Protein backbone atom coordinates (compact mmCIF):
# COMPACT_ATOMS: atom_id res chain seq x y z
CA MET A 1 17.83 -20.39 -116.35
CA PHE A 2 15.42 -23.07 -117.57
CA LEU A 3 18.09 -24.54 -119.84
CA ALA A 4 20.69 -24.41 -117.08
CA ARG A 5 18.31 -26.23 -114.75
CA ARG A 6 17.69 -28.95 -117.34
CA ILE A 7 21.44 -29.42 -117.84
CA VAL A 8 21.91 -29.84 -114.07
CA ILE A 9 19.13 -32.43 -114.00
CA ALA A 10 20.64 -34.33 -116.94
CA ALA A 11 24.05 -34.29 -115.26
CA SER A 12 22.55 -35.83 -112.14
CA GLU A 13 19.93 -38.24 -113.52
CA ASP A 14 21.53 -39.36 -116.77
CA VAL A 15 25.30 -38.99 -116.35
CA GLY A 16 25.40 -39.65 -112.63
CA MET A 17 28.35 -41.62 -111.29
CA ALA A 18 29.72 -42.32 -114.78
CA ASN A 19 31.16 -38.78 -114.61
CA PRO A 20 30.55 -37.05 -111.25
CA ASN A 21 32.30 -33.93 -112.57
CA ALA A 22 29.36 -33.33 -114.91
CA LEU A 23 27.21 -32.21 -111.98
CA ILE A 24 29.95 -29.89 -110.72
CA LEU A 25 30.35 -28.35 -114.16
CA ALA A 26 26.58 -28.06 -114.67
CA THR A 27 25.99 -26.30 -111.34
CA SER A 28 28.92 -23.98 -112.01
CA ALA A 29 27.43 -23.20 -115.41
CA MET A 30 24.04 -22.48 -113.82
CA GLU A 31 25.67 -20.06 -111.39
CA ALA A 32 27.60 -18.39 -114.22
CA VAL A 33 24.42 -18.04 -116.30
CA HIS A 34 22.75 -16.37 -113.34
CA MET A 35 25.67 -13.94 -112.92
CA VAL A 36 26.31 -13.17 -116.60
CA GLY A 37 22.86 -13.24 -118.17
CA MET A 38 22.00 -13.37 -121.84
CA PRO A 39 23.21 -13.10 -124.54
CA GLU A 40 26.67 -14.14 -123.27
CA ALA A 41 25.24 -16.97 -121.19
CA ARG A 42 24.45 -18.85 -124.39
CA ILE A 43 28.13 -19.78 -124.63
CA ILE A 44 28.17 -21.12 -121.07
CA LEU A 45 25.01 -23.12 -121.74
CA ALA A 46 26.44 -24.54 -124.96
CA GLU A 47 29.64 -25.67 -123.24
CA ALA A 48 27.75 -27.30 -120.37
CA ALA A 49 25.27 -28.96 -122.71
CA VAL A 50 28.04 -30.44 -124.87
CA TYR A 51 29.94 -31.67 -121.80
CA VAL A 52 26.89 -33.40 -120.33
CA ALA A 53 25.70 -34.75 -123.70
CA THR A 54 29.08 -36.32 -124.53
CA SER A 55 29.69 -37.77 -121.05
CA LYS A 56 29.23 -41.47 -120.39
CA LYS A 57 25.89 -42.19 -118.77
CA SER A 58 24.90 -44.11 -115.63
CA ASN A 59 21.59 -43.94 -113.82
CA ALA A 60 22.66 -46.44 -111.15
CA ALA A 61 22.29 -43.94 -108.28
CA TYR A 62 18.87 -42.87 -109.58
CA LEU A 63 17.67 -46.48 -109.79
CA GLY A 64 19.27 -47.35 -106.45
CA ILE A 65 17.52 -44.62 -104.49
CA ASP A 66 14.18 -45.53 -106.09
CA LYS A 67 14.70 -49.17 -105.08
CA ALA A 68 15.65 -48.18 -101.54
CA LEU A 69 12.54 -46.01 -101.21
CA GLN A 70 10.38 -48.88 -102.47
CA ASP A 71 11.96 -51.21 -99.90
CA VAL A 72 11.25 -48.77 -97.08
CA ALA A 73 7.66 -48.36 -98.23
CA ASN A 74 6.93 -52.05 -98.84
CA LYS A 75 9.07 -54.10 -96.46
CA ASP A 76 9.38 -54.53 -92.74
CA THR A 77 12.67 -52.76 -92.16
CA GLY A 78 12.64 -53.51 -88.44
CA THR A 79 13.25 -51.05 -85.66
CA ILE A 80 16.21 -48.86 -84.97
CA PRO A 81 18.27 -50.48 -82.22
CA MET A 82 18.78 -48.50 -79.05
CA LEU A 83 22.35 -47.60 -78.31
CA SER A 84 23.52 -48.49 -74.87
CA LEU A 85 25.37 -45.79 -73.05
CA ILE A 86 28.71 -46.82 -71.62
CA HIS A 87 29.78 -45.05 -68.44
CA ILE A 88 33.48 -44.70 -67.87
């Protein structure tokens, strides 16, 4: 399960939006590893690892969320405007 978890993390952090299917495949592999168990799960892990390793990489979402969190922590983001209720 540790290896499956690491593959899911790599699919999200390293592959990201360059191949969104990597995360779907990695989480499916993690579920299959949980259901099947070792020693057969080694094949599932190998397939998922190769898929994630050979996918194009993009950490744009990872960097973007970090930047957004920094902005919220360090900038005056203003207040949330009140919505006016319209009566019909």
